[in-house]
N, C-alpha and C. Protein backbone atom coordinates (compact mmCIF):
# COMPACT_ATOMS: atom_id res chain seq x y z
N MET A 1 14.34 7.46 9.78
CA MET A 1 13.77 6.34 9.06
C MET A 1 12.62 5.75 9.88
N ILE A 2 11.65 5.23 9.15
CA ILE A 2 10.53 4.54 9.79
C ILE A 2 10.45 3.13 9.21
N THR A 3 9.73 2.27 9.88
CA THR A 3 9.53 0.90 9.41
C THR A 3 8.08 0.73 9.01
N VAL A 4 7.89 0.15 7.82
CA VAL A 4 6.56 -0.20 7.34
C VAL A 4 6.53 -1.70 7.16
N HIS A 5 5.46 -2.33 7.60
CA HIS A 5 5.31 -3.79 7.52
C HIS A 5 4.35 -4.12 6.38
N PHE A 6 4.85 -4.84 5.39
CA PHE A 6 4.04 -5.31 4.27
C PHE A 6 3.81 -6.79 4.45
N THR A 7 2.56 -7.21 4.39
CA THR A 7 2.22 -8.63 4.50
C THR A 7 1.69 -9.10 3.16
N THR A 8 2.18 -10.25 2.71
CA THR A 8 1.73 -10.80 1.43
C THR A 8 0.35 -11.44 1.57
N ALA A 9 -0.29 -11.62 0.45
CA ALA A 9 -1.51 -12.43 0.42
C ALA A 9 -1.10 -13.86 0.77
N PRO A 10 -2.01 -14.66 1.30
CA PRO A 10 -1.63 -16.02 1.68
C PRO A 10 -1.22 -16.86 0.46
N VAL A 11 -0.08 -17.48 0.58
CA VAL A 11 0.40 -18.40 -0.45
C VAL A 11 0.51 -19.76 0.21
N GLY A 12 -0.30 -20.71 -0.23
CA GLY A 12 -0.30 -22.03 0.40
C GLY A 12 -0.75 -21.96 1.85
N GLY A 13 -1.56 -20.96 2.17
CA GLY A 13 -2.09 -20.84 3.52
C GLY A 13 -1.23 -20.04 4.48
N SER A 14 -0.03 -19.62 4.05
CA SER A 14 0.82 -18.85 4.96
C SER A 14 1.10 -17.46 4.39
N PHE A 15 1.40 -16.56 5.29
CA PHE A 15 1.71 -15.19 4.94
C PHE A 15 3.20 -14.94 5.14
N GLN A 16 3.72 -13.94 4.44
CA GLN A 16 5.07 -13.48 4.69
C GLN A 16 4.99 -12.02 5.03
N GLN A 17 5.83 -11.59 5.95
CA GLN A 17 5.89 -10.17 6.28
C GLN A 17 7.26 -9.63 5.91
N PHE A 18 7.26 -8.46 5.29
CA PHE A 18 8.49 -7.78 4.93
C PHE A 18 8.52 -6.44 5.65
N ASP A 19 9.57 -6.21 6.39
CA ASP A 19 9.74 -4.95 7.10
C ASP A 19 10.63 -4.06 6.24
N VAL A 20 10.10 -2.92 5.85
CA VAL A 20 10.77 -2.02 4.92
C VAL A 20 11.11 -0.72 5.64
N GLN A 21 12.34 -0.30 5.50
CA GLN A 21 12.78 0.99 6.03
C GLN A 21 12.49 2.07 4.99
N ALA A 22 11.92 3.18 5.42
CA ALA A 22 11.56 4.25 4.50
C ALA A 22 11.81 5.60 5.15
N LYS A 23 12.01 6.59 4.31
CA LYS A 23 12.20 7.96 4.79
C LYS A 23 10.85 8.67 4.79
N PRO A 24 10.57 9.42 5.84
CA PRO A 24 9.37 10.26 5.81
C PRO A 24 9.40 11.15 4.56
N GLY A 25 8.25 11.33 3.94
CA GLY A 25 8.16 12.10 2.70
C GLY A 25 8.05 11.22 1.47
N MET A 26 8.50 9.97 1.59
CA MET A 26 8.33 9.00 0.50
C MET A 26 6.88 8.54 0.49
N SER A 27 6.40 8.13 -0.67
CA SER A 27 5.09 7.48 -0.68
C SER A 27 5.29 6.02 -0.27
N LEU A 28 4.22 5.42 0.18
CA LEU A 28 4.25 4.01 0.53
C LEU A 28 4.65 3.18 -0.68
N MET A 29 4.17 3.56 -1.87
CA MET A 29 4.53 2.87 -3.11
C MET A 29 6.03 2.98 -3.37
N GLN A 30 6.60 4.16 -3.19
CA GLN A 30 8.04 4.34 -3.42
C GLN A 30 8.85 3.45 -2.48
N ALA A 31 8.40 3.33 -1.24
CA ALA A 31 9.10 2.47 -0.28
C ALA A 31 9.06 1.02 -0.73
N ALA A 32 7.89 0.57 -1.21
CA ALA A 32 7.76 -0.82 -1.68
C ALA A 32 8.62 -1.08 -2.91
N VAL A 33 8.60 -0.15 -3.83
CA VAL A 33 9.39 -0.31 -5.06
C VAL A 33 10.89 -0.29 -4.74
N ALA A 34 11.31 0.61 -3.87
CA ALA A 34 12.73 0.68 -3.49
C ALA A 34 13.20 -0.61 -2.83
N ALA A 35 12.27 -1.29 -2.14
CA ALA A 35 12.60 -2.56 -1.48
C ALA A 35 12.42 -3.76 -2.40
N ASN A 36 12.05 -3.51 -3.66
CA ASN A 36 11.84 -4.58 -4.65
C ASN A 36 10.81 -5.60 -4.20
N LEU A 37 9.73 -5.13 -3.59
CA LEU A 37 8.69 -6.05 -3.15
C LEU A 37 7.85 -6.52 -4.33
N ASP A 38 7.70 -7.83 -4.44
CA ASP A 38 6.73 -8.37 -5.38
C ASP A 38 5.36 -8.05 -4.79
N GLY A 39 4.43 -7.72 -5.64
CA GLY A 39 3.09 -7.45 -5.15
C GLY A 39 2.67 -6.01 -5.29
N ILE A 40 3.61 -5.12 -5.51
CA ILE A 40 3.30 -3.71 -5.80
C ILE A 40 3.90 -3.43 -7.17
N ALA A 41 3.04 -3.43 -8.19
CA ALA A 41 3.52 -3.25 -9.57
C ALA A 41 3.85 -1.80 -9.86
N ALA A 42 3.00 -0.87 -9.45
CA ALA A 42 3.24 0.57 -9.60
C ALA A 42 3.55 0.96 -11.04
N GLU A 43 2.76 0.47 -11.96
CA GLU A 43 3.02 0.71 -13.38
C GLU A 43 3.04 2.18 -13.79
N CYS A 44 2.20 2.99 -13.17
CA CYS A 44 2.14 4.40 -13.58
C CYS A 44 3.14 5.27 -12.81
N GLY A 45 3.89 4.67 -11.90
CA GLY A 45 4.90 5.41 -11.17
C GLY A 45 4.37 6.39 -10.15
N GLY A 46 3.12 6.25 -9.80
CA GLY A 46 2.55 7.12 -8.78
C GLY A 46 1.64 8.21 -9.31
N ALA A 47 1.28 8.12 -10.58
CA ALA A 47 0.41 9.14 -11.19
C ALA A 47 -1.08 8.89 -10.91
N MET A 48 -1.39 7.83 -10.20
CA MET A 48 -2.76 7.45 -9.84
C MET A 48 -3.61 7.19 -11.08
N THR A 49 -3.03 6.46 -12.04
CA THR A 49 -3.77 6.13 -13.25
C THR A 49 -3.85 4.64 -13.54
N CYS A 50 -3.37 3.78 -12.62
CA CYS A 50 -3.36 2.36 -12.95
C CYS A 50 -3.90 1.44 -11.86
N ALA A 51 -3.93 1.83 -10.64
CA ALA A 51 -4.40 1.02 -9.51
C ALA A 51 -3.58 -0.25 -9.28
N THR A 52 -2.32 -0.28 -9.74
CA THR A 52 -1.48 -1.46 -9.52
C THR A 52 -0.57 -1.32 -8.30
N CYS A 53 -0.93 -0.41 -7.41
CA CYS A 53 -0.21 -0.27 -6.14
C CYS A 53 -1.20 -0.40 -4.98
N HIS A 54 -2.29 -1.10 -5.25
CA HIS A 54 -3.37 -1.30 -4.27
C HIS A 54 -2.83 -2.04 -3.05
N VAL A 55 -3.19 -1.56 -1.87
CA VAL A 55 -2.90 -2.23 -0.61
C VAL A 55 -4.13 -2.15 0.28
N TYR A 56 -4.14 -3.00 1.30
CA TYR A 56 -5.17 -2.96 2.33
C TYR A 56 -4.50 -2.48 3.61
N VAL A 57 -4.93 -1.34 4.11
CA VAL A 57 -4.37 -0.78 5.34
C VAL A 57 -5.04 -1.47 6.53
N ASP A 58 -4.24 -2.01 7.43
CA ASP A 58 -4.76 -2.70 8.60
C ASP A 58 -5.27 -1.71 9.64
N GLU A 59 -6.25 -2.18 10.43
CA GLU A 59 -6.67 -1.42 11.61
C GLU A 59 -5.54 -1.53 12.61
N PRO A 60 -5.28 -0.57 13.43
CA PRO A 60 -5.98 0.69 13.61
C PRO A 60 -5.44 1.81 12.73
N TRP A 61 -4.62 1.48 11.78
CA TRP A 61 -3.96 2.50 10.95
C TRP A 61 -4.93 3.27 10.05
N ARG A 62 -6.04 2.69 9.72
CA ARG A 62 -6.97 3.35 8.79
C ARG A 62 -7.37 4.74 9.27
N SER A 63 -7.57 4.90 10.54
CA SER A 63 -7.97 6.19 11.08
C SER A 63 -6.77 7.10 11.37
N ARG A 64 -5.57 6.57 11.21
CA ARG A 64 -4.36 7.33 11.55
C ARG A 64 -3.65 7.90 10.34
N ILE A 65 -4.14 7.58 9.15
CA ILE A 65 -3.56 8.15 7.94
C ILE A 65 -4.59 9.06 7.28
N PRO A 66 -4.14 10.02 6.50
CA PRO A 66 -5.11 10.91 5.85
C PRO A 66 -6.07 10.10 4.97
N PRO A 67 -7.33 10.53 4.90
CA PRO A 67 -8.31 9.80 4.09
C PRO A 67 -8.03 9.91 2.60
N ALA A 68 -8.57 8.97 1.86
CA ALA A 68 -8.43 8.98 0.40
C ALA A 68 -9.17 10.18 -0.18
N LYS A 69 -8.57 10.78 -1.18
CA LYS A 69 -9.20 11.89 -1.89
C LYS A 69 -10.14 11.32 -2.95
N PRO A 70 -11.06 12.12 -3.47
CA PRO A 70 -12.03 11.61 -4.45
C PRO A 70 -11.42 10.88 -5.64
N GLY A 71 -10.34 11.37 -6.23
CA GLY A 71 -9.72 10.71 -7.37
C GLY A 71 -9.21 9.31 -7.03
N GLU A 72 -8.67 9.17 -5.84
CA GLU A 72 -8.20 7.86 -5.40
C GLU A 72 -9.37 6.92 -5.20
N LYS A 73 -10.43 7.41 -4.59
CA LYS A 73 -11.62 6.58 -4.41
C LYS A 73 -12.17 6.10 -5.75
N ASP A 74 -12.15 6.96 -6.74
CA ASP A 74 -12.60 6.57 -8.08
C ASP A 74 -11.71 5.47 -8.65
N MET A 75 -10.40 5.62 -8.53
CA MET A 75 -9.46 4.65 -9.10
C MET A 75 -9.55 3.30 -8.40
N LEU A 76 -9.93 3.28 -7.13
CA LEU A 76 -10.05 2.01 -6.40
C LEU A 76 -11.14 1.11 -6.97
N GLN A 77 -11.98 1.64 -7.83
CA GLN A 77 -12.98 0.81 -8.50
C GLN A 77 -12.35 -0.11 -9.56
N PHE A 78 -11.09 0.15 -9.90
CA PHE A 78 -10.43 -0.59 -10.97
C PHE A 78 -9.35 -1.55 -10.47
N THR A 79 -9.35 -1.86 -9.18
CA THR A 79 -8.35 -2.79 -8.66
C THR A 79 -8.64 -4.21 -9.12
N ALA A 80 -7.60 -5.00 -9.27
CA ALA A 80 -7.75 -6.40 -9.71
C ALA A 80 -8.42 -7.25 -8.63
N GLU A 81 -8.09 -6.99 -7.38
CA GLU A 81 -8.71 -7.68 -6.25
C GLU A 81 -9.77 -6.75 -5.67
N PRO A 82 -10.83 -7.29 -5.10
CA PRO A 82 -11.90 -6.44 -4.57
C PRO A 82 -11.38 -5.44 -3.54
N ALA A 83 -11.87 -4.22 -3.65
CA ALA A 83 -11.53 -3.19 -2.67
C ALA A 83 -12.42 -3.37 -1.44
N ASP A 84 -11.89 -2.99 -0.28
CA ASP A 84 -12.68 -3.00 0.94
C ASP A 84 -12.44 -1.69 1.69
N ASP A 85 -12.91 -1.61 2.92
CA ASP A 85 -12.80 -0.37 3.69
C ASP A 85 -11.35 0.06 3.92
N GLY A 86 -10.42 -0.88 3.89
CA GLY A 86 -9.01 -0.56 4.10
C GLY A 86 -8.23 -0.33 2.82
N SER A 87 -8.89 -0.41 1.67
CA SER A 87 -8.18 -0.29 0.40
C SER A 87 -7.67 1.13 0.17
N ARG A 88 -6.43 1.19 -0.28
CA ARG A 88 -5.81 2.46 -0.64
C ARG A 88 -4.84 2.21 -1.78
N LEU A 89 -4.53 3.26 -2.50
CA LEU A 89 -3.45 3.22 -3.48
C LEU A 89 -2.20 3.67 -2.73
N SER A 90 -1.19 2.83 -2.71
CA SER A 90 -0.01 3.16 -1.92
C SER A 90 0.73 4.39 -2.43
N CYS A 91 0.50 4.75 -3.68
CA CYS A 91 1.14 5.96 -4.22
C CYS A 91 0.57 7.23 -3.59
N GLN A 92 -0.58 7.13 -2.97
CA GLN A 92 -1.25 8.29 -2.39
C GLN A 92 -1.04 8.43 -0.89
N ILE A 93 -0.29 7.53 -0.31
CA ILE A 93 -0.01 7.61 1.13
C ILE A 93 1.42 8.11 1.30
N VAL A 94 1.55 9.35 1.73
CA VAL A 94 2.87 9.94 1.97
C VAL A 94 3.24 9.63 3.41
N LEU A 95 4.37 8.98 3.57
CA LEU A 95 4.78 8.51 4.89
C LEU A 95 5.27 9.66 5.77
N THR A 96 4.89 9.59 7.03
CA THR A 96 5.34 10.55 8.04
C THR A 96 5.93 9.77 9.21
N GLN A 97 6.64 10.46 10.06
CA GLN A 97 7.24 9.82 11.23
C GLN A 97 6.17 9.14 12.08
N GLU A 98 4.96 9.72 12.11
CA GLU A 98 3.86 9.15 12.90
C GLU A 98 3.37 7.82 12.34
N MET A 99 3.78 7.48 11.13
CA MET A 99 3.37 6.22 10.52
C MET A 99 4.36 5.09 10.77
N ASP A 100 5.34 5.31 11.64
CA ASP A 100 6.29 4.27 11.97
C ASP A 100 5.52 3.07 12.53
N GLY A 101 5.70 1.91 11.90
CA GLY A 101 5.00 0.70 12.30
C GLY A 101 3.76 0.40 11.47
N LEU A 102 3.46 1.26 10.50
CA LEU A 102 2.30 1.05 9.62
C LEU A 102 2.32 -0.37 9.05
N THR A 103 1.16 -1.01 9.06
CA THR A 103 1.03 -2.37 8.54
C THR A 103 0.00 -2.39 7.43
N VAL A 104 0.40 -2.92 6.27
CA VAL A 104 -0.50 -3.05 5.13
C VAL A 104 -0.39 -4.46 4.57
N ARG A 105 -1.49 -4.91 3.97
CA ARG A 105 -1.50 -6.20 3.30
C ARG A 105 -1.53 -5.96 1.79
N MET A 106 -0.80 -6.77 1.08
CA MET A 106 -0.79 -6.68 -0.37
C MET A 106 -1.83 -7.65 -0.93
N PRO A 107 -2.54 -7.26 -1.98
CA PRO A 107 -3.50 -8.19 -2.58
C PRO A 107 -2.79 -9.34 -3.28
N ALA A 108 -3.53 -10.39 -3.57
CA ALA A 108 -2.95 -11.56 -4.25
C ALA A 108 -2.45 -11.21 -5.64
N ARG A 109 -3.07 -10.20 -6.27
CA ARG A 109 -2.63 -9.81 -7.61
C ARG A 109 -2.97 -8.35 -7.85
N GLN A 110 -2.25 -7.75 -8.76
CA GLN A 110 -2.49 -6.35 -9.14
C GLN A 110 -3.08 -6.25 -10.55
N TYR A 111 -3.10 -7.38 -11.27
CA TYR A 111 -3.63 -7.38 -12.64
C TYR A 111 -4.81 -8.33 -12.72
């Protein structure tokens, strides 16, 4: 098992962090959904057709995970919150043992 740290968007000026246990081979989205995290809607179930699993990958993790493929980059144009250099669809990040400690921020909204 590995631990992934999900940080919420600021609510009333404060953040919350949720530490989620996940098995390597799961997608980041599957880990969030299994943990019942608010903030990852995952409406398409990981088919990369909705952009409701948008997350912001924190540095230094951006260079430690595989880069986004062209289809994912296209879909990031449809996120509810503005995409930035750390934006990824969590359904496209397959967790590995090397990602133990991965930290991502959830956007304020997915719709």
